[in-house]
Amino acid sequence: MRKFTLNKIVMEILGIVLFVIIWQVLAMLIGENTFIFPGPRITTIEAIKLLKDSYIYKCLYQTMLRMVGGFAIAFVFAFILGIMAGSNTKLELLFSPTMSILRSLPTATLVYFFLVIAGARITPLFIVVLVSFPILYENIAAGIKSTPKVYVEAATLDASNTFNTIFRIRLPLAVPYILAGVVSSFALSLKIEIMAEVITGYTRLGLGSAILAAQRNDPTNMVPVFAYSLVAIVVILIFDILSNIVKNIVSESM
């Protein structure tokens, strides 16, 4: 097990090195000196400068705040509907077409739709809700359905009502599935939030807004755009690593 983990870490490090090499080669071919496609060294130096300014932390805070707000809304609805669908096959079939449509809808289409009806300020929150909701719903419903029949039958014989069966038996057993859904959709929600901020042109604080402002400030100088993007990538990678750790813990308990 330790050998497997060590090999995995080594390969991931080599993968990062390979990515940086490819990035540098592309920068040299496309035009690093003209700042059209800055390389890793220039981008990293600029990103370090950004981290010395409080502005980047304000942007990160606002992006996280909106993302967590949308994620929380999605979780509440997914929790309610997931329990209903997991406990009742007919309801699961009833909700199935809607979930399929939500999973299939292009994110960019959703952005422009909500941009028209809700405005740039609220659109990123709606997008996070609609993207994370199906993932959370499916995991919660699957967790509720996974309850062994013998437990449900025992609860029925014990004269327990549906409410008690769900909250005393089904939900505790579904916790690993719920956690898996949360960790699977959290980092994705952050990426969606940043993308929505860029597309909507939202001018208030936010990582996506900072990337857009940097591009509009000087379209010929992509260094600040790459630097803000690098900061966003690092933050997302941190959440991905934490998510993978939680996933491994959850998978061992399932």
C-alpha atoms as a PDB file:
ATOM      1  CA  MET A   1       0.000   0.000   0.000  1.00  0.00           C
ATOM      2  CA  ARG A   2       2.809   2.400   0.909  1.00  0.00           C
ATOM      3  CA  LYS A   3       4.657   1.499  -2.291  1.00  0.00           C
ATOM      4  CA  PHE A   4       1.529   2.196  -4.348  1.00  0.00           C
ATOM      5  CA  THR A   5       1.023   5.567  -2.626  1.00  0.00           C
ATOM      6  CA  LEU A   6       4.678   6.532  -3.135  1.00  0.00           C
ATOM      7  CA  ASN A   7       4.543   5.595  -6.830  1.00  0.00           C
ATOM      8  CA  LYS A   8       1.354   7.600  -7.229  1.00  0.00           C
ATOM      9  CA  ILE A   9       2.943  10.687  -5.667  1.00  0.00           C
ATOM     10  CA  VAL A  10       6.063  10.340  -7.843  1.00  0.00           C
ATOM     11  CA  MET A  11       3.983  10.013 -11.025  1.00  0.00           C
ATOM     12  CA  GLU A  12       1.857  13.027 -10.089  1.00  0.00           C
ATOM     13  CA  ILE A  13       5.000  15.111  -9.505  1.00  0.00           C
ATOM     14  CA  LEU A  14       6.393  13.973 -12.859  1.00  0.00           C
ATOM     15  CA  GLY A  15       3.069  14.894 -14.432  1.00  0.00           C
ATOM     16  CA  ILE A  16       3.344  18.426 -13.040  1.00  0.00           C
ATOM     17  CA  VAL A  17       6.920  18.721 -14.331  1.00  0.00           C
ATOM     18  CA  LEU A  18       5.793  17.544 -17.762  1.00  0.00           C
ATOM     19  CA  PHE A  19       2.967  20.089 -17.785  1.00  0.00           C
ATOM     20  CA  VAL A  20       5.377  22.923 -16.904  1.00  0.00           C
ATOM     21  CA  ILE A  21       7.771  21.837 -19.681  1.00  0.00           C
ATOM     22  CA  ILE A  22       4.966  21.776 -22.259  1.00  0.00           C
ATOM     23  CA  TRP A  23       3.784  25.173 -21.013  1.00  0.00           C
ATOM     24  CA  GLN A  24       7.285  26.639 -21.412  1.00  0.00           C
ATOM     25  CA  VAL A  25       7.724  25.193 -24.908  1.00  0.00           C
ATOM     26  CA  LEU A  26       4.359  26.616 -26.014  1.00  0.00           C
ATOM     27  CA  ALA A  27       5.269  29.996 -24.527  1.00  0.00           C
ATOM     28  CA  MET A  28       8.513  30.046 -26.510  1.00  0.00           C
ATOM     29  CA  LEU A  29       6.729  29.074 -29.717  1.00  0.00           C
ATOM     30  CA  ILE A  30       3.719  31.386 -29.379  1.00  0.00           C
ATOM     31  CA  GLY A  31       5.364  34.520 -28.041  1.00  0.00           C
ATOM     32  CA  GLU A  32       6.521  34.719 -24.445  1.00  0.00           C
ATOM     33  CA  ASN A  33       8.546  37.886 -25.043  1.00  0.00           C
ATOM     34  CA  THR A  34       5.480  39.734 -26.343  1.00  0.00           C
ATOM     35  CA  PHE A  35       3.411  38.691 -23.272  1.00  0.00           C
ATOM     36  CA  ILE A  36       0.810  37.057 -25.531  1.00  0.00           C
ATOM     37  CA  PHE A  37       1.487  33.647 -23.991  1.00  0.00           C
ATOM     38  CA  PRO A  38       3.612  34.092 -20.839  1.00  0.00           C
ATOM     39  CA  GLY A  39       5.626  31.141 -19.593  1.00  0.00           C
ATOM     40  CA  PRO A  40       5.597  29.573 -16.116  1.00  0.00           C
ATOM     41  CA  ARG A  41       8.434  31.715 -14.731  1.00  0.00           C
ATOM     42  CA  ILE A  42       6.901  35.076 -15.665  1.00  0.00           C
ATOM     43  CA  THR A  43       3.447  33.921 -14.575  1.00  0.00           C
ATOM     44  CA  THR A  44       4.692  32.670 -11.208  1.00  0.00           C
ATOM     45  CA  ILE A  45       6.552  35.923 -10.512  1.00  0.00           C
ATOM     46  CA  GLU A  46       3.408  37.924 -11.304  1.00  0.00           C
ATOM     47  CA  ALA A  47       1.258  35.594  -9.176  1.00  0.00           C
ATOM     48  CA  ILE A  48       3.597  36.103  -6.199  1.00  0.00           C
ATOM     49  CA  LYS A  49       3.177  39.866  -6.649  1.00  0.00           C
ATOM     50  CA  LEU A  50      -0.596  39.443  -6.627  1.00  0.00           C
ATOM     51  CA  LEU A  51      -0.427  37.448  -3.395  1.00  0.00           C
ATOM     52  CA  LYS A  52       1.261  40.401  -1.693  1.00  0.00           C
ATOM     53  CA  ASP A  53      -1.789  42.564  -2.382  1.00  0.00           C
ATOM     54  CA  SER A  54      -4.967  42.322  -0.303  1.00  0.00           C
ATOM     55  CA  TYR A  55      -7.063  42.663  -3.472  1.00  0.00           C
ATOM     56  CA  ILE A  56      -6.563  39.016  -4.452  1.00  0.00           C
ATOM     57  CA  TYR A  57      -7.745  37.821  -1.046  1.00  0.00           C
ATOM     58  CA  LYS A  58     -10.854  39.992  -1.252  1.00  0.00           C
ATOM     59  CA  CYS A  59     -11.577  38.515  -4.680  1.00  0.00           C
ATOM     60  CA  LEU A  60     -11.058  34.976  -3.390  1.00  0.00           C
ATOM     61  CA  TYR A  61     -13.310  35.629  -0.392  1.00  0.00           C
ATOM     62  CA  GLN A  62     -16.163  36.977  -2.533  1.00  0.00           C
ATOM     63  CA  THR A  63     -15.892  34.117  -5.023  1.00  0.00           C
ATOM     64  CA  MET A  64     -15.916  31.545  -2.225  1.00  0.00           C
ATOM     65  CA  LEU A  65     -18.816  33.310  -0.517  1.00  0.00           C
ATOM     66  CA  ARG A  66     -20.998  33.219  -3.633  1.00  0.00           C
ATOM     67  CA  MET A  67     -19.972  29.658  -4.442  1.00  0.00           C
ATOM     68  CA  VAL A  68     -20.713  28.385  -0.932  1.00  0.00           C
ATOM     69  CA  GLY A  69     -24.073  30.182  -0.985  1.00  0.00           C
ATOM     70  CA  GLY A  70     -25.068  28.507  -4.252  1.00  0.00           C
ATOM     71  CA  PHE A  71     -23.724  25.171  -3.064  1.00  0.00           C
ATOM     72  CA  ALA A  72     -25.719  25.388   0.171  1.00  0.00           C
ATOM     73  CA  ILE A  73     -28.948  26.113  -1.738  1.00  0.00           C
ATOM     74  CA  ALA A  74     -28.281  23.178  -4.065  1.00  0.00           C
ATOM     75  CA  PHE A  75     -27.589  20.886  -1.118  1.00  0.00           C
ATOM     76  CA  VAL A  76     -30.858  21.764   0.631  1.00  0.00           C
ATOM     77  CA  PHE A  77     -32.969  20.994  -2.454  1.00  0.00           C
ATOM     78  CA  ALA A  78     -30.918  17.918  -3.316  1.00  0.00           C
ATOM     79  CA  PHE A  79     -31.237  16.669   0.256  1.00  0.00           C
ATOM     80  CA  ILE A  80     -35.028  16.936   0.248  1.00  0.00           C
ATOM     81  CA  LEU A  81     -35.610  15.550  -3.258  1.00  0.00           C
ATOM     82  CA  GLY A  82     -32.875  12.924  -2.876  1.00  0.00           C
ATOM     83  CA  ILE A  83     -34.520  11.509   0.227  1.00  0.00           C
ATOM     84  CA  MET A  84     -37.886  11.478  -1.528  1.00  0.00           C
ATOM     85  CA  ALA A  85     -36.512   9.771  -4.640  1.00  0.00           C
ATOM     86  CA  GLY A  86     -34.425   7.284  -2.691  1.00  0.00           C
ATOM     87  CA  SER A  87     -37.416   6.268  -0.599  1.00  0.00           C
ATOM     88  CA  ASN A  88     -39.934   6.058  -3.434  1.00  0.00           C
ATOM     89  CA  THR A  89     -39.242   4.470  -6.827  1.00  0.00           C
ATOM     90  CA  LYS A  90     -42.127   6.304  -8.511  1.00  0.00           C
ATOM     91  CA  LEU A  91     -40.757   9.685  -7.418  1.00  0.00           C
ATOM     92  CA  GLU A  92     -37.303   8.677  -8.631  1.00  0.00           C
ATOM     93  CA  LEU A  93     -38.750   7.922 -12.075  1.00  0.00           C
ATOM     94  CA  LEU A  94     -40.687  11.201 -11.988  1.00  0.00           C
ATOM     95  CA  PHE A  95     -37.550  13.258 -11.227  1.00  0.00           C
ATOM     96  CA  SER A  96     -35.302  11.315 -13.618  1.00  0.00           C
ATOM     97  CA  PRO A  97     -36.009  13.297 -16.852  1.00  0.00           C
ATOM     98  CA  THR A  98     -35.419  16.619 -15.096  1.00  0.00           C
ATOM     99  CA  MET A  99     -32.090  15.439 -13.689  1.00  0.00           C
ATOM    100  CA  SER A 100     -31.020  14.162 -17.099  1.00  0.00           C
ATOM    101  CA  ILE A 101     -31.811  17.533 -18.663  1.00  0.00           C
ATOM    102  CA  LEU A 102     -29.934  19.438 -15.961  1.00  0.00           C
ATOM    103  CA  ARG A 103     -26.868  17.236 -16.453  1.00  0.00           C
ATOM    104  CA  SER A 104     -27.008  17.682 -20.227  1.00  0.00           C
ATOM    105  CA  LEU A 105     -27.574  21.440 -20.458  1.00  0.00           C
ATOM    106  CA  PRO A 106     -24.454  23.343 -21.652  1.00  0.00           C
ATOM    107  CA  THR A 107     -23.189  25.560 -18.839  1.00  0.00           C
ATOM    108  CA  ALA A 108     -22.614  28.493 -21.184  1.00  0.00           C
ATOM    109  CA  THR A 109     -26.270  28.363 -22.252  1.00  0.00           C
ATOM    110  CA  LEU A 110     -27.351  28.542 -18.620  1.00  0.00           C
ATOM    111  CA  VAL A 111     -25.054  31.530 -18.038  1.00  0.00           C
ATOM    112  CA  TYR A 112     -26.568  33.552 -20.878  1.00  0.00           C
ATOM    113  CA  PHE A 113     -30.106  32.557 -19.925  1.00  0.00           C
ATOM    114  CA  PHE A 114     -29.772  33.719 -16.320  1.00  0.00           C
ATOM    115  CA  LEU A 115     -27.776  36.752 -17.423  1.00  0.00           C
ATOM    116  CA  VAL A 116     -30.878  37.963 -19.272  1.00  0.00           C
ATOM    117  CA  ILE A 117     -33.446  37.193 -16.577  1.00  0.00           C
ATOM    118  CA  ALA A 118     -31.418  37.755 -13.376  1.00  0.00           C
ATOM    119  CA  GLY A 119     -28.449  39.988 -14.193  1.00  0.00           C
ATOM    120  CA  ALA A 120     -24.697  39.535 -13.819  1.00  0.00           C
ATOM    121  CA  ARG A 121     -24.674  39.756 -10.036  1.00  0.00           C
ATOM    122  CA  ILE A 122     -26.913  36.736  -9.334  1.00  0.00           C
ATOM    123  CA  THR A 123     -26.127  34.576 -12.370  1.00  0.00           C
ATOM    124  CA  PRO A 124     -22.973  32.855 -10.981  1.00  0.00           C
ATOM    125  CA  LEU A 125     -24.924  31.743  -7.914  1.00  0.00           C
ATOM    126  CA  PHE A 126     -27.699  30.225 -10.062  1.00  0.00           C
ATOM    127  CA  ILE A 127     -25.137  28.403 -12.206  1.00  0.00           C
ATOM    128  CA  VAL A 128     -23.463  26.857  -9.167  1.00  0.00           C
ATOM    129  CA  VAL A 129     -26.869  25.698  -7.917  1.00  0.00           C
ATOM    130  CA  LEU A 130     -27.846  24.046 -11.202  1.00  0.00           C
ATOM    131  CA  VAL A 131     -24.470  22.383 -11.796  1.00  0.00           C
ATOM    132  CA  SER A 132     -23.960  20.973  -8.305  1.00  0.00           C
ATOM    133  CA  PHE A 133     -27.607  20.064  -7.639  1.00  0.00           C
ATOM    134  CA  PRO A 134     -27.833  16.922  -9.884  1.00  0.00           C
ATOM    135  CA  ILE A 135     -24.571  15.518  -8.482  1.00  0.00           C
ATOM    136  CA  LEU A 136     -25.699  15.986  -4.892  1.00  0.00           C
ATOM    137  CA  TYR A 137     -29.189  14.676  -5.649  1.00  0.00           C
ATOM    138  CA  GLU A 138     -27.936  11.472  -7.275  1.00  0.00           C
ATOM    139  CA  ASN A 139     -25.558  10.661  -4.430  1.00  0.00           C
ATOM    140  CA  ILE A 140     -28.160  11.314  -1.738  1.00  0.00           C
ATOM    141  CA  ALA A 141     -30.804   9.259  -3.575  1.00  0.00           C
ATOM    142  CA  ALA A 142     -28.313   6.431  -4.121  1.00  0.00           C
ATOM    143  CA  GLY A 143     -27.377   6.499  -0.448  1.00  0.00           C
ATOM    144  CA  ILE A 144     -30.992   6.260   0.659  1.00  0.00           C
ATOM    145  CA  LYS A 145     -31.664   3.430  -1.812  1.00  0.00           C
ATOM    146  CA  SER A 146     -28.594   1.512  -0.655  1.00  0.00           C
ATOM    147  CA  THR A 147     -30.126   0.752   2.753  1.00  0.00           C
ATOM    148  CA  PRO A 148     -30.342  -3.047   3.093  1.00  0.00           C
ATOM    149  CA  LYS A 149     -33.938  -4.250   2.867  1.00  0.00           C
ATOM    150  CA  VAL A 150     -33.547  -6.224   6.056  1.00  0.00           C
ATOM    151  CA  TYR A 151     -33.117  -2.981   8.022  1.00  0.00           C
ATOM    152  CA  VAL A 152     -36.197  -1.415   6.455  1.00  0.00           C
ATOM    153  CA  GLU A 153     -38.243  -4.553   7.064  1.00  0.00           C
ATOM    154  CA  ALA A 154     -37.069  -4.698  10.671  1.00  0.00           C
ATOM    155  CA  ALA A 155     -38.124  -1.087  11.160  1.00  0.00           C
ATOM    156  CA  THR A 156     -41.536  -1.858   9.651  1.00  0.00           C
ATOM    157  CA  LEU A 157     -42.015  -4.798  11.988  1.00  0.00           C
ATOM    158  CA  ASP A 158     -41.012  -2.546  14.845  1.00  0.00           C
ATOM    159  CA  ALA A 159     -43.909  -0.244  13.881  1.00  0.00           C
ATOM    160  CA  SER A 160     -41.611   2.623  12.991  1.00  0.00           C
ATOM    161  CA  ASN A 161     -43.162   5.266  10.749  1.00  0.00           C
ATOM    162  CA  THR A 162     -41.585   6.455   7.501  1.00  0.00           C
ATOM    163  CA  PHE A 163     -40.054   9.527   9.132  1.00  0.00           C
ATOM    164  CA  ASN A 164     -38.252   7.482  11.779  1.00  0.00           C
ATOM    165  CA  THR A 165     -37.100   4.907   9.223  1.00  0.00           C
ATOM    166  CA  ILE A 166     -35.533   7.613   7.066  1.00  0.00           C
ATOM    167  CA  PHE A 167     -33.841   9.663   9.761  1.00  0.00           C
ATOM    168  CA  ARG A 168     -32.832   6.860  12.121  1.00  0.00           C
ATOM    169  CA  ILE A 169     -31.827   4.170   9.618  1.00  0.00           C
ATOM    170  CA  ARG A 170     -31.575   5.308   6.011  1.00  0.00           C
ATOM    171  CA  LEU A 171     -29.825   8.664   6.485  1.00  0.00           C
ATOM    172  CA  PRO A 172     -27.069   7.448   8.852  1.00  0.00           C
ATOM    173  CA  LEU A 173     -26.252   4.642   6.417  1.00  0.00           C
ATOM    174  CA  ALA A 174     -26.305   7.106   3.496  1.00  0.00           C
ATOM    175  CA  VAL A 175     -23.728   9.483   5.030  1.00  0.00           C
ATOM    176  CA  PRO A 176     -20.771   8.081   2.997  1.00  0.00           C
ATOM    177  CA  TYR A 177     -22.726   8.595  -0.235  1.00  0.00           C
ATOM    178  CA  ILE A 178     -23.685  12.138   0.774  1.00  0.00           C
ATOM    179  CA  LEU A 179     -20.085  13.016   1.608  1.00  0.00           C
ATOM    180  CA  ALA A 180     -18.963  11.562  -1.717  1.00  0.00           C
ATOM    181  CA  GLY A 181     -21.414  13.829  -3.522  1.00  0.00           C
ATOM    182  CA  VAL A 182     -20.277  16.878  -1.570  1.00  0.00           C
ATOM    183  CA  VAL A 183     -16.575  16.360  -2.247  1.00  0.00           C
ATOM    184  CA  SER A 184     -17.231  15.504  -5.916  1.00  0.00           C
ATOM    185  CA  SER A 185     -19.134  18.702  -6.612  1.00  0.00           C
ATOM    186  CA  PHE A 186     -17.390  21.238  -4.351  1.00  0.00           C
ATOM    187  CA  ALA A 187     -14.254  21.858  -6.445  1.00  0.00           C
ATOM    188  CA  LEU A 188     -16.361  21.726  -9.611  1.00  0.00           C
ATOM    189  CA  SER A 189     -18.652  24.408  -8.172  1.00  0.00           C
ATOM    190  CA  LEU A 190     -15.658  26.685  -7.591  1.00  0.00           C
ATOM    191  CA  LYS A 191     -14.539  26.277 -11.213  1.00  0.00           C
ATOM    192  CA  ILE A 192     -18.071  26.991 -12.421  1.00  0.00           C
ATOM    193  CA  GLU A 193     -18.320  30.103 -10.215  1.00  0.00           C
ATOM    194  CA  ILE A 194     -15.092  31.546 -11.648  1.00  0.00           C
ATOM    195  CA  MET A 195     -16.138  30.749 -15.216  1.00  0.00           C
ATOM    196  CA  ALA A 196     -19.564  32.346 -14.691  1.00  0.00           C
ATOM    197  CA  GLU A 197     -17.954  35.518 -13.325  1.00  0.00           C
ATOM    198  CA  VAL A 198     -15.798  35.791 -16.456  1.00  0.00           C
ATOM    199  CA  ILE A 199     -18.635  35.155 -18.923  1.00  0.00           C
ATOM    200  CA  THR A 200     -21.140  37.460 -17.229  1.00  0.00           C
ATOM    201  CA  GLY A 201     -18.683  40.330 -17.070  1.00  0.00           C
ATOM    202  CA  TYR A 202     -19.468  40.824 -13.390  1.00  0.00           C
ATOM    203  CA  THR A 203     -17.339  43.787 -12.288  1.00  0.00           C
ATOM    204  CA  ARG A 204     -17.450  43.381  -8.507  1.00  0.00           C
ATOM    205  CA  LEU A 205     -14.838  41.488  -6.511  1.00  0.00           C
ATOM    206  CA  GLY A 206     -14.184  37.891  -7.539  1.00  0.00           C
ATOM    207  CA  LEU A 207     -11.424  35.783  -9.102  1.00  0.00           C
ATOM    208  CA  GLY A 208     -13.300  35.563 -12.393  1.00  0.00           C
ATOM    209  CA  SER A 209     -13.969  39.291 -12.306  1.00  0.00           C
ATOM    210  CA  ALA A 210     -10.258  39.955 -11.657  1.00  0.00           C
ATOM    211  CA  ILE A 211      -9.293  37.807 -14.657  1.00  0.00           C
ATOM    212  CA  LEU A 212     -11.759  39.679 -16.877  1.00  0.00           C
ATOM    213  CA  ALA A 213     -10.630  43.099 -15.598  1.00  0.00           C
ATOM    214  CA  ALA A 214      -6.991  42.219 -16.247  1.00  0.00           C
ATOM    215  CA  GLN A 215      -7.799  41.216 -19.813  1.00  0.00           C
ATOM    216  CA  ARG A 216      -9.835  44.345 -20.478  1.00  0.00           C
ATOM    217  CA  ASN A 217      -7.174  46.590 -18.934  1.00  0.00           C
ATOM    218  CA  ASP A 218      -4.563  45.544 -21.516  1.00  0.00           C
ATOM    219  CA  PRO A 219      -5.623  42.885 -24.054  1.00  0.00           C
ATOM    220  CA  THR A 220      -2.063  42.653 -25.390  1.00  0.00           C
ATOM    221  CA  ASN A 221      -0.578  41.726 -21.987  1.00  0.00           C
ATOM    222  CA  MET A 222      -1.748  38.308 -20.820  1.00  0.00           C
ATOM    223  CA  VAL A 223       0.627  38.063 -17.859  1.00  0.00           C
ATOM    224  CA  PRO A 224      -1.907  39.304 -15.248  1.00  0.00           C
ATOM    225  CA  VAL A 225      -4.595  37.043 -16.758  1.00  0.00           C
ATOM    226  CA  PHE A 226      -2.308  34.013 -16.493  1.00  0.00           C
ATOM    227  CA  ALA A 227      -1.254  35.024 -12.963  1.00  0.00           C
ATOM    228  CA  TYR A 228      -4.843  35.310 -11.687  1.00  0.00           C
ATOM    229  CA  SER A 229      -5.653  32.043 -13.443  1.00  0.00           C
ATOM    230  CA  LEU A 230      -2.668  30.365 -11.770  1.00  0.00           C
ATOM    231  CA  VAL A 231      -3.899  31.480  -8.346  1.00  0.00           C
ATOM    232  CA  ALA A 232      -7.359  30.104  -9.175  1.00  0.00           C
ATOM    233  CA  ILE A 233      -5.841  26.804 -10.372  1.00  0.00           C
ATOM    234  CA  VAL A 234      -3.822  26.403  -7.176  1.00  0.00           C
ATOM    235  CA  VAL A 235      -6.913  27.039  -5.010  1.00  0.00           C
ATOM    236  CA  ILE A 236      -8.952  24.519  -7.033  1.00  0.00           C
ATOM    237  CA  LEU A 237      -6.130  21.960  -6.851  1.00  0.00           C
ATOM    238  CA  ILE A 238      -6.050  22.321  -3.067  1.00  0.00           C
ATOM    239  CA  PHE A 239      -9.768  21.547  -2.924  1.00  0.00           C
ATOM    240  CA  ASP A 240      -9.270  18.639  -5.343  1.00  0.00           C
ATOM    241  CA  ILE A 241      -6.554  17.166  -3.125  1.00  0.00           C
ATOM    242  CA  LEU A 242      -8.722  17.540  -0.032  1.00  0.00           C
ATOM    243  CA  SER A 243     -11.640  16.021  -1.947  1.00  0.00           C
ATOM    244  CA  ASN A 244      -9.558  13.000  -2.951  1.00  0.00           C
ATOM    245  CA  ILE A 245      -8.479  12.479   0.650  1.00  0.00           C
ATOM    246  CA  VAL A 246     -12.095  12.578   1.817  1.00  0.00           C
ATOM    247  CA  LYS A 247     -13.130  10.290  -1.068  1.00  0.00           C
ATOM    248  CA  ASN A 248     -10.564   7.694  -0.021  1.00  0.00           C
ATOM    249  CA  ILE A 249     -11.766   7.824   3.568  1.00  0.00           C
ATOM    250  CA  VAL A 250     -15.390   7.591   2.449  1.00  0.00           C
ATOM    251  CA  SER A 251     -14.753   4.721   0.024  1.00  0.00           C
ATOM    252  CA  GLU A 252     -13.113   2.711   2.792  1.00  0.00           C
ATOM    253  CA  SER A 253     -16.179   3.167   4.989  1.00  0.00           C
ATOM    254  CA  MET A 254     -18.713   2.213   2.278  1.00  0.00           C
END
